[in-house]
C-alpha atoms as a PDB file:
ATOM      1  CA  MET A   1      -0.003   0.000   0.003  1.00  0.00           C
ATOM      2  CA  HIS A   2       2.891   2.292   0.848  1.00  0.00           C
ATOM      3  CA  ALA A   3       4.683   1.455  -2.367  1.00  0.00           C
ATOM      4  CA  LYS A   4       1.363   2.360  -4.263  1.00  0.00           C
ATOM      5  CA  LYS A   5       1.081   5.765  -2.570  1.00  0.00           C
ATOM      6  CA  GLN A   6       4.768   6.421  -3.411  1.00  0.00           C
ATOM      7  CA  LEU A   7       4.171   5.478  -7.002  1.00  0.00           C
ATOM      8  CA  MET A   8       1.241   7.770  -7.203  1.00  0.00           C
ATOM      9  CA  LYS A   9       3.245  10.612  -5.573  1.00  0.00           C
ATOM     10  CA  ASN A  10       6.198  10.079  -7.990  1.00  0.00           C
ATOM     11  CA  LYS A  11       3.620  10.283 -10.925  1.00  0.00           C
ATOM     12  CA  MET A  12       2.207  13.490  -9.569  1.00  0.00           C
ATOM     13  CA  VAL A  13       5.683  15.119  -9.202  1.00  0.00           C
ATOM     14  CA  LYS A  14       6.538  14.255 -12.784  1.00  0.00           C
ATOM     15  CA  ILE A  15       3.180  15.816 -14.057  1.00  0.00           C
ATOM     16  CA  LEU A  16       3.800  19.042 -12.073  1.00  0.00           C
ATOM     17  CA  VAL A  17       7.366  19.080 -13.314  1.00  0.00           C
ATOM     18  CA  VAL A  18       6.063  18.713 -17.034  1.00  0.00           C
ATOM     19  CA  ILE A  19       3.362  21.405 -16.274  1.00  0.00           C
ATOM     20  CA  PHE A  20       5.920  23.788 -14.825  1.00  0.00           C
ATOM     21  CA  THR A  21       8.286  23.196 -17.722  1.00  0.00           C
ATOM     22  CA  LEU A  22       5.680  23.993 -20.214  1.00  0.00           C
ATOM     23  CA  PHE A  23       4.524  27.007 -18.461  1.00  0.00           C
ATOM     24  CA  SER A  24       8.136  28.234 -18.096  1.00  0.00           C
ATOM     25  CA  VAL A  25       8.772  27.484 -21.820  1.00  0.00           C
ATOM     26  CA  ARG A  26       5.703  29.533 -22.667  1.00  0.00           C
ATOM     27  CA  ILE A  27       6.628  32.562 -20.514  1.00  0.00           C
ATOM     28  CA  PHE A  28      10.177  32.545 -22.048  1.00  0.00           C
ATOM     29  CA  ALA A  29       8.648  32.343 -25.434  1.00  0.00           C
ATOM     30  CA  GLN A  30       6.560  35.276 -24.739  1.00  0.00           C
ATOM     31  CA  ARG A  31       9.279  37.379 -23.301  1.00  0.00           C
ATOM     32  CA  SER A  32      11.590  36.412 -26.315  1.00  0.00           C
ATOM     33  CA  GLU A  33       8.834  37.560 -28.705  1.00  0.00           C
ATOM     34  CA  LYS A  34       8.324  40.884 -26.858  1.00  0.00           C
ATOM     35  CA  LEU A  35      12.113  41.476 -26.982  1.00  0.00           C
ATOM     36  CA  ALA A  36      12.208  40.541 -30.648  1.00  0.00           C
ATOM     37  CA  ARG A  37       9.530  43.163 -31.362  1.00  0.00           C
ATOM     38  CA  THR A  38      11.358  45.930 -29.411  1.00  0.00           C
ATOM     39  CA  ASP A  39      14.776  44.925 -31.161  1.00  0.00           C
ATOM     40  CA  GLN A  40      12.971  45.388 -34.538  1.00  0.00           C
ATOM     41  CA  LEU A  41      11.751  48.896 -33.466  1.00  0.00           C
ATOM     42  CA  ILE A  42      15.435  49.731 -32.392  1.00  0.00           C
ATOM     43  CA  ALA A  43      16.880  48.513 -35.656  1.00  0.00           C
ATOM     44  CA  LYS A  44      14.324  50.993 -37.375  1.00  0.00           C
ATOM     45  CA  GLU A  45      15.629  53.770 -34.893  1.00  0.00           C
ATOM     46  CA  LYS A  46      12.062  53.989 -33.458  1.00  0.00           C
ATOM     47  CA  TYR A  47      13.510  54.476 -29.944  1.00  0.00           C
ATOM     48  CA  LEU A  48      10.600  56.471 -28.634  1.00  0.00           C
ATOM     49  CA  GLU A  49       8.287  53.575 -29.484  1.00  0.00           C
ATOM     50  CA  ALA A  50      10.495  50.890 -27.966  1.00  0.00           C
ATOM     51  CA  ILE A  51      11.049  52.638 -24.620  1.00  0.00           C
ATOM     52  CA  PRO A  52       7.552  52.338 -23.056  1.00  0.00           C
ATOM     53  CA  LEU A  53       7.311  48.731 -24.069  1.00  0.00           C
ATOM     54  CA  LEU A  54      10.729  48.015 -22.567  1.00  0.00           C
ATOM     55  CA  ASN A  55       9.576  50.050 -19.424  1.00  0.00           C
ATOM     56  CA  LEU A  56       6.590  47.758 -18.973  1.00  0.00           C
ATOM     57  CA  PHE A  57       8.653  44.584 -19.659  1.00  0.00           C
ATOM     58  CA  LEU A  58      11.206  45.558 -17.030  1.00  0.00           C
ATOM     59  CA  LYS A  59       8.492  46.421 -14.524  1.00  0.00           C
ATOM     60  CA  ASN A  60       7.527  42.720 -14.784  1.00  0.00           C
ATOM     61  CA  ASP A  61      11.165  41.207 -15.317  1.00  0.00           C
ATOM     62  CA  THR A  62      13.667  43.202 -13.309  1.00  0.00           C
ATOM     63  CA  LEU A  63      16.399  40.632 -14.017  1.00  0.00           C
ATOM     64  CA  ASN A  64      16.593  40.607 -17.749  1.00  0.00           C
ATOM     65  CA  SER A  65      20.044  41.771 -18.881  1.00  0.00           C
ATOM     66  CA  ASP A  66      18.974  41.750 -22.613  1.00  0.00           C
ATOM     67  CA  ALA A  67      15.988  44.291 -21.904  1.00  0.00           C
ATOM     68  CA  PHE A  68      18.262  46.570 -20.001  1.00  0.00           C
ATOM     69  CA  ALA A  69      20.803  46.494 -22.786  1.00  0.00           C
ATOM     70  CA  GLN A  70      18.019  47.222 -25.275  1.00  0.00           C
ATOM     71  CA  ARG A  71      16.670  50.240 -23.421  1.00  0.00           C
ATOM     72  CA  ALA A  72      20.270  51.553 -23.090  1.00  0.00           C
ATOM     73  CA  LYS A  73      20.479  51.484 -26.961  1.00  0.00           C
ATOM     74  CA  CYS A  74      17.267  53.688 -26.972  1.00  0.00           C
ATOM     75  CA  PHE A  75      18.583  56.062 -24.493  1.00  0.00           C
ATOM     76  CA  VAL A  76      21.887  56.454 -26.469  1.00  0.00           C
ATOM     77  CA  GLY A  77      19.947  56.863 -29.663  1.00  0.00           C
ATOM     78  CA  ILE A  78      17.964  59.848 -28.184  1.00  0.00           C
ATOM     79  CA  GLY A  79      21.000  61.433 -26.539  1.00  0.00           C
ATOM     80  CA  ASN A  80      20.097  60.415 -22.826  1.00  0.00           C
ATOM     81  CA  TYR A  81      23.444  59.281 -21.913  1.00  0.00           C
ATOM     82  CA  ASP A  82      22.976  59.178 -18.186  1.00  0.00           C
ATOM     83  CA  ASN A  83      20.102  56.795 -18.185  1.00  0.00           C
ATOM     84  CA  ALA A  84      21.838  54.691 -20.920  1.00  0.00           C
ATOM     85  CA  LEU A  85      24.831  54.355 -18.562  1.00  0.00           C
ATOM     86  CA  SER A  86      22.693  53.243 -15.715  1.00  0.00           C
ATOM     87  CA  ASP A  87      20.946  50.533 -17.757  1.00  0.00           C
ATOM     88  CA  LEU A  88      24.241  49.287 -19.293  1.00  0.00           C
ATOM     89  CA  GLN A  89      25.838  48.931 -15.826  1.00  0.00           C
ATOM     90  CA  ARG A  90      22.657  46.970 -14.720  1.00  0.00           C
ATOM     91  CA  ALA A  91      22.806  44.838 -17.904  1.00  0.00           C
ATOM     92  CA  ILE A  92      26.453  43.966 -17.281  1.00  0.00           C
ATOM     93  CA  MET A  93      25.793  43.179 -13.608  1.00  0.00           C
ATOM     94  CA  LEU A  94      23.145  40.786 -14.538  1.00  0.00           C
ATOM     95  CA  ASN A  95      25.166  39.101 -17.341  1.00  0.00           C
ATOM     96  CA  ASP A  96      28.949  40.117 -17.806  1.00  0.00           C
ATOM     97  CA  SER A  97      29.007  38.260 -21.084  1.00  0.00           C
ATOM     98  CA  ASN A  98      26.257  40.360 -22.810  1.00  0.00           C
ATOM     99  CA  ALA A  99      27.714  41.334 -26.082  1.00  0.00           C
ATOM    100  CA  VAL A 100      24.994  43.834 -27.125  1.00  0.00           C
ATOM    101  CA  ALA A 101      25.633  45.711 -23.709  1.00  0.00           C
ATOM    102  CA  TYR A 102      29.423  46.091 -24.429  1.00  0.00           C
ATOM    103  CA  SER A 103      28.627  47.131 -27.933  1.00  0.00           C
ATOM    104  CA  THR A 104      26.367  49.805 -26.655  1.00  0.00           C
ATOM    105  CA  PHE A 105      28.954  50.787 -24.162  1.00  0.00           C
ATOM    106  CA  GLY A 106      31.110  51.478 -27.220  1.00  0.00           C
ATOM    107  CA  TRP A 107      28.561  53.729 -28.725  1.00  0.00           C
ATOM    108  CA  LEU A 108      27.826  55.411 -25.605  1.00  0.00           C
ATOM    109  CA  TYR A 109      31.753  56.146 -25.023  1.00  0.00           C
ATOM    110  CA  ALA A 110      32.142  57.380 -28.523  1.00  0.00           C
ATOM    111  CA  MET A 111      29.227  59.815 -28.195  1.00  0.00           C
ATOM    112  CA  THR A 112      30.830  61.127 -24.922  1.00  0.00           C
ATOM    113  CA  LYS A 113      34.218  61.467 -26.428  1.00  0.00           C
ATOM    114  CA  GLN A 114      35.836  58.624 -24.310  1.00  0.00           C
ATOM    115  CA  TYR A 115      37.280  56.990 -27.316  1.00  0.00           C
ATOM    116  CA  ASP A 116      39.940  54.571 -25.785  1.00  0.00           C
ATOM    117  CA  SER A 117      36.960  53.165 -23.646  1.00  0.00           C
ATOM    118  CA  SER A 118      34.694  52.911 -26.757  1.00  0.00           C
ATOM    119  CA  LEU A 119      37.354  50.854 -28.700  1.00  0.00           C
ATOM    120  CA  VAL A 120      37.823  48.475 -25.567  1.00  0.00           C
ATOM    121  CA  ASN A 121      34.162  47.920 -25.439  1.00  0.00           C
ATOM    122  CA  TYR A 122      33.725  47.256 -29.028  1.00  0.00           C
ATOM    123  CA  ASN A 123      36.424  44.919 -29.157  1.00  0.00           C
ATOM    124  CA  LYS A 124      35.119  42.905 -26.069  1.00  0.00           C
ATOM    125  CA  SER A 125      31.771  42.782 -27.691  1.00  0.00           C
ATOM    126  CA  ILE A 126      33.255  41.400 -30.961  1.00  0.00           C
ATOM    127  CA  ALA A 127      35.415  38.824 -28.908  1.00  0.00           C
ATOM    128  CA  LEU A 128      31.944  37.697 -27.270  1.00  0.00           C
ATOM    129  CA  ASP A 129      30.154  37.693 -30.591  1.00  0.00           C
ATOM    130  CA  SER A 130      32.380  37.735 -33.764  1.00  0.00           C
ATOM    131  CA  LEU A 131      29.100  37.637 -35.801  1.00  0.00           C
ATOM    132  CA  SER A 132      27.727  40.958 -34.529  1.00  0.00           C
ATOM    133  CA  ALA A 133      27.346  43.249 -37.499  1.00  0.00           C
ATOM    134  CA  PRO A 134      26.365  46.195 -35.308  1.00  0.00           C
ATOM    135  CA  SER A 135      29.498  45.840 -33.255  1.00  0.00           C
ATOM    136  CA  TYR A 136      31.618  45.872 -36.504  1.00  0.00           C
ATOM    137  CA  ASN A 137      29.811  48.870 -37.789  1.00  0.00           C
ATOM    138  CA  GLY A 138      29.978  50.657 -34.549  1.00  0.00           C
ATOM    139  CA  ARG A 139      33.853  50.008 -34.334  1.00  0.00           C
ATOM    140  CA  GLY A 140      34.111  51.015 -37.859  1.00  0.00           C
ATOM    141  CA  ALA A 141      32.455  54.425 -37.270  1.00  0.00           C
ATOM    142  CA  LEU A 142      34.703  54.915 -34.244  1.00  0.00           C
ATOM    143  CA  TYR A 143      37.780  54.242 -36.402  1.00  0.00           C
ATOM    144  CA  TYR A 144      36.549  56.645 -39.098  1.00  0.00           C
ATOM    145  CA  TYR A 145      34.888  59.484 -37.374  1.00  0.00           C
ATOM    146  CA  PHE A 146      36.966  59.811 -34.237  1.00  0.00           C
ATOM    147  CA  LEU A 147      40.412  57.853 -34.631  1.00  0.00           C
ATOM    148  CA  ASP A 148      41.246  58.712 -38.293  1.00  0.00           C
ATOM    149  CA  GLN A 149      41.913  55.070 -39.098  1.00  0.00           C
ATOM    150  CA  ASN A 150      40.155  54.740 -42.495  1.00  0.00           C
ATOM    151  CA  ASP A 151      41.457  51.430 -43.612  1.00  0.00           C
ATOM    152  CA  LYS A 152      40.306  49.772 -40.478  1.00  0.00           C
ATOM    153  CA  ALA A 153      36.933  51.463 -40.814  1.00  0.00           C
ATOM    154  CA  LEU A 154      36.475  50.099 -44.258  1.00  0.00           C
ATOM    155  CA  ASP A 155      37.444  46.684 -43.136  1.00  0.00           C
ATOM    156  CA  ASP A 156      34.849  46.832 -40.460  1.00  0.00           C
ATOM    157  CA  PHE A 157      32.102  48.344 -42.686  1.00  0.00           C
ATOM    158  CA  ASN A 158      32.830  45.605 -45.248  1.00  0.00           C
ATOM    159  CA  ARG A 159      32.545  42.996 -42.495  1.00  0.00           C
ATOM    160  CA  ALA A 160      29.304  44.325 -41.177  1.00  0.00           C
ATOM    161  CA  ILE A 161      27.678  44.167 -44.631  1.00  0.00           C
ATOM    162  CA  LYS A 162      28.870  40.679 -45.183  1.00  0.00           C
ATOM    163  CA  LEU A 163      27.375  39.596 -41.734  1.00  0.00           C
ATOM    164  CA  ASP A 164      24.125  41.585 -42.335  1.00  0.00           C
ATOM    165  CA  PRO A 165      23.291  42.753 -45.846  1.00  0.00           C
ATOM    166  CA  ASN A 166      20.412  44.703 -44.387  1.00  0.00           C
ATOM    167  CA  SER A 167      22.720  46.918 -42.272  1.00  0.00           C
ATOM    168  CA  PHE A 168      21.734  50.440 -43.692  1.00  0.00           C
ATOM    169  CA  HIS A 169      24.206  52.091 -41.215  1.00  0.00           C
ATOM    170  CA  ALA A 170      27.135  50.059 -42.563  1.00  0.00           C
ATOM    171  CA  TYR A 171      26.176  50.955 -46.238  1.00  0.00           C
ATOM    172  CA  TYR A 172      25.829  54.648 -45.322  1.00  0.00           C
ATOM    173  CA  ASN A 173      29.232  54.710 -43.458  1.00  0.00           C
ATOM    174  CA  ARG A 174      31.059  52.953 -46.279  1.00  0.00           C
ATOM    175  CA  GLY A 175      29.481  55.401 -48.681  1.00  0.00           C
ATOM    176  CA  ILE A 176      31.095  58.349 -46.828  1.00  0.00           C
ATOM    177  CA  ILE A 177      34.546  56.672 -47.177  1.00  0.00           C
ATOM    178  CA  TYR A 178      33.915  56.268 -50.774  1.00  0.00           C
ATOM    179  CA  ARG A 179      32.739  59.977 -51.282  1.00  0.00           C
ATOM    180  CA  LEU A 180      35.547  61.502 -49.400  1.00  0.00           C
ATOM    181  CA  ASN A 181      37.981  59.483 -51.429  1.00  0.00           C
ATOM    182  CA  GLY A 182      36.526  60.886 -54.639  1.00  0.00           C
ATOM    183  CA  LEU A 183      34.659  57.653 -55.452  1.00  0.00           C
ATOM    184  CA  ASN A 184      31.252  59.275 -55.765  1.00  0.00           C
ATOM    185  CA  GLU A 185      29.736  56.609 -58.104  1.00  0.00           C
ATOM    186  CA  LYS A 186      30.382  53.937 -55.649  1.00  0.00           C
ATOM    187  CA  ALA A 187      29.189  56.231 -52.868  1.00  0.00           C
ATOM    188  CA  ILE A 188      25.812  56.659 -54.571  1.00  0.00           C
ATOM    189  CA  VAL A 189      25.267  52.898 -54.964  1.00  0.00           C
ATOM    190  CA  ASP A 190      25.829  52.351 -51.083  1.00  0.00           C
ATOM    191  CA  TYR A 191      23.794  55.441 -50.105  1.00  0.00           C
ATOM    192  CA  THR A 192      20.977  54.193 -52.440  1.00  0.00           C
ATOM    193  CA  ILE A 193      21.090  50.772 -50.916  1.00  0.00           C
ATOM    194  CA  SER A 194      20.960  52.247 -47.484  1.00  0.00           C
ATOM    195  CA  LEU A 195      17.962  54.312 -48.384  1.00  0.00           C
ATOM    196  CA  LYS A 196      16.044  51.341 -49.799  1.00  0.00           C
ATOM    197  CA  LEU A 197      16.617  49.721 -46.164  1.00  0.00           C
ATOM    198  CA  HIS A 198      15.785  52.922 -44.313  1.00  0.00           C
ATOM    199  CA  PRO A 199      13.816  55.300 -46.689  1.00  0.00           C
ATOM    200  CA  LYS A 200      13.677  58.338 -44.307  1.00  0.00           C
ATOM    201  CA  ASN A 201      17.498  58.427 -43.447  1.00  0.00           C
ATOM    202  CA  HIS A 202      17.998  62.146 -43.901  1.00  0.00           C
ATOM    203  CA  LEU A 203      21.801  61.706 -43.500  1.00  0.00           C
ATOM    204  CA  ALA A 204      21.934  59.271 -46.406  1.00  0.00           C
ATOM    205  CA  TYR A 205      19.916  61.804 -48.402  1.00  0.00           C
ATOM    206  CA  ARG A 206      22.198  64.720 -47.383  1.00  0.00           C
ATOM    207  CA  ASP A 207      25.436  62.743 -48.423  1.00  0.00           C
ATOM    208  CA  ARG A 208      24.087  61.242 -51.594  1.00  0.00           C
ATOM    209  CA  GLY A 209      23.196  64.874 -52.515  1.00  0.00           C
ATOM    210  CA  LEU A 210      26.700  65.730 -51.992  1.00  0.00           C
ATOM    211  CA  SER A 211      28.052  62.906 -54.172  1.00  0.00           C
ATOM    212  CA  TYR A 212      25.513  64.002 -57.055  1.00  0.00           C
ATOM    213  CA  MET A 213      26.870  67.634 -56.520  1.00  0.00           C
ATOM    214  CA  ASN A 214      30.383  66.544 -56.750  1.00  0.00           C
ATOM    215  CA  LEU A 215      29.375  64.903 -60.096  1.00  0.00           C
ATOM    216  CA  ARG A 216      27.626  68.165 -61.101  1.00  0.00           C
ATOM    217  CA  ASN A 217      24.209  66.461 -61.249  1.00  0.00           C
ATOM    218  CA  TYR A 218      22.632  69.348 -59.594  1.00  0.00           C
ATOM    219  CA  LYS A 219      18.937  68.290 -60.300  1.00  0.00           C
ATOM    220  CA  LYS A 220      19.416  65.036 -58.290  1.00  0.00           C
ATOM    221  CA  ALA A 221      21.348  66.699 -55.753  1.00  0.00           C
ATOM    222  CA  ILE A 222      18.762  69.219 -55.189  1.00  0.00           C
ATOM    223  CA  ARG A 223      16.113  66.420 -54.751  1.00  0.00           C
ATOM    224  CA  ASP A 224      18.132  64.684 -52.249  1.00  0.00           C
ATOM    225  CA  PHE A 225      18.907  67.888 -50.130  1.00  0.00           C
ATOM    226  CA  LEU A 226      15.161  68.707 -49.930  1.00  0.00           C
ATOM    227  CA  LYS A 227      14.401  65.173 -48.732  1.00  0.00           C
ATOM    228  CA  ALA A 228      17.210  65.495 -46.299  1.00  0.00           C
ATOM    229  CA  ILE A 229      15.399  68.532 -44.850  1.00  0.00           C
ATOM    230  CA  LYS A 230      12.059  66.867 -44.884  1.00  0.00           C
ATOM    231  CA  TYR A 231      13.250  63.946 -42.887  1.00  0.00           C
ATOM    232  CA  ASN A 232      15.704  65.926 -40.607  1.00  0.00           C
ATOM    233  CA  THR A 233      13.613  64.922 -37.497  1.00  0.00           C
ATOM    234  CA  SER A 234      16.238  62.863 -35.576  1.00  0.00           C
ATOM    235  CA  VAL A 235      15.753  62.917 -31.715  1.00  0.00           C
ATOM    236  CA  ASN A 236      19.444  62.215 -31.397  1.00  0.00           C
ATOM    237  CA  PRO A 237      21.317  65.717 -31.413  1.00  0.00           C
ATOM    238  CA  TYR A 238      24.519  64.053 -32.857  1.00  0.00           C
ATOM    239  CA  GLU A 239      22.465  63.032 -35.941  1.00  0.00           C
ATOM    240  CA  LYS A 240      20.561  66.286 -36.307  1.00  0.00           C
ATOM    241  CA  THR A 241      21.719  68.353 -39.333  1.00  0.00           C
ATOM    242  CA  ASP A 242      21.649  71.925 -39.906  1.00  0.00           C
ATOM    243  CA  ASP A 243      18.933  72.989 -42.240  1.00  0.00           C
ATOM    244  CA  ASN A 244      20.792  76.175 -43.147  1.00  0.00           C
ATOM    245  CA  GLU A 245      23.634  74.073 -44.643  1.00  0.00           C
ATOM    246  CA  LEU A 246      21.263  72.043 -46.664  1.00  0.00           C
ATOM    247  CA  TYR A 247      19.369  75.149 -48.075  1.00  0.00           C
ATOM    248  CA  ASN A 248      22.638  76.679 -48.746  1.00  0.00           C
ATOM    249  CA  ASP A 249      23.447  73.416 -50.877  1.00  0.00           C
ATOM    250  CA  VAL A 250      20.161  73.785 -52.666  1.00  0.00           C
ATOM    251  CA  CYS A 251      20.981  77.375 -53.466  1.00  0.00           C
ATOM    252  CA  TYR A 252      24.319  76.533 -54.717  1.00  0.00           C
ATOM    253  CA  CYS A 253      22.991  73.804 -57.094  1.00  0.00           C
ATOM    254  CA  TYR A 254      20.223  76.164 -58.426  1.00  0.00           C
ATOM    255  CA  ASP A 255      22.784  78.805 -58.877  1.00  0.00           C
ATOM    256  CA  LYS A 256      24.790  76.457 -61.032  1.00  0.00           C
ATOM    257  CA  LEU A 257      21.711  75.677 -63.072  1.00  0.00           C
ATOM    258  CA  GLY A 258      21.212  79.439 -63.523  1.00  0.00           C
ATOM    259  CA  ASN A 259      17.824  79.501 -61.863  1.00  0.00           C
ATOM    260  CA  LYS A 260      17.874  82.790 -60.031  1.00  0.00           C
ATOM    261  CA  ARG A 261      14.385  82.611 -59.103  1.00  0.00           C
ATOM    262  CA  LYS A 262      14.961  79.270 -57.056  1.00  0.00           C
ATOM    263  CA  VAL A 263      18.031  80.684 -55.602  1.00  0.00           C
ATOM    264  CA  LYS A 264      15.950  83.744 -54.285  1.00  0.00           C
ATOM    265  CA  LYS A 265      13.216  81.498 -52.996  1.00  0.00           C
ATOM    266  CA  TYR A 266      15.633  79.311 -50.906  1.00  0.00           C
ATOM    267  CA  SER A 267      18.089  81.951 -49.852  1.00  0.00           C
ATOM    268  CA  LYS A 268      15.179  83.160 -47.698  1.00  0.00           C
ATOM    269  CA  LYS A 269      15.221  79.992 -45.885  1.00  0.00           C
ATOM    270  CA  SER A 270      19.054  79.925 -45.490  1.00  0.00           C
ATOM    271  CA  LYS A 271      20.956  82.304 -43.271  1.00  0.00           C
ATOM    272  CA  ARG A 272      24.174  81.650 -45.056  1.00  0.00           C
ATOM    273  CA  PHE A 273      23.390  81.926 -48.821  1.00  0.00           C
ATOM    274  CA  ARG A 274      23.236  85.598 -49.163  1.00  0.00           C
END
């Protein structure tokens, strides 16, 4: 009789274990799905949409390193560096092998002009995840924009594109290197791919316009400059462009086309083309 009760008890324990496991798997899947959604928003630079979702997520799961790392990305993206630092510290405390957190630290340190620390963190991120396109793109941007190491930058952008052919950032950044090296046709190809992947990227319109202007294709340059002005709504102060400069470029192109009426029209919007 005792053996029969023990057998029944063991069966109940197994059933409860299975139920608990299925419940845990379901909860984990739901969490993963929510973070996948916010990750997609972040990839599209929709930081202000992702933050409330991550706030709600972290209210219910205060120990999720990935969620803190994602929210930190959003904070860096909108220029809120103090909150980003706090979230990244929490993410690393919860998981000191979080490659995304180290990559975001690299971005944060670059934005706050701590370039040595930025490089250290990008390198650590890549050591933890050698297939991370964002880390290669971020390190490439650091090499190019701040450390004046163009060859290393180009290598990293090429690697990012190979790992993720949908990395509009990497195409845009590589386009800049091509343009400043006088390879405007190749630059335009990269800017165009970047814009197909992210059609409202005002920076890509601006820089493609500059390449068209270098090639004396002033009509296409004007079209791109005006689109850059239209989409110049970035919430990141680092990525915000000066409309005066863009209107100045528009005036320059119309001047080259001999259209004085258009020059007069747009010069009223530019404080520099007088």
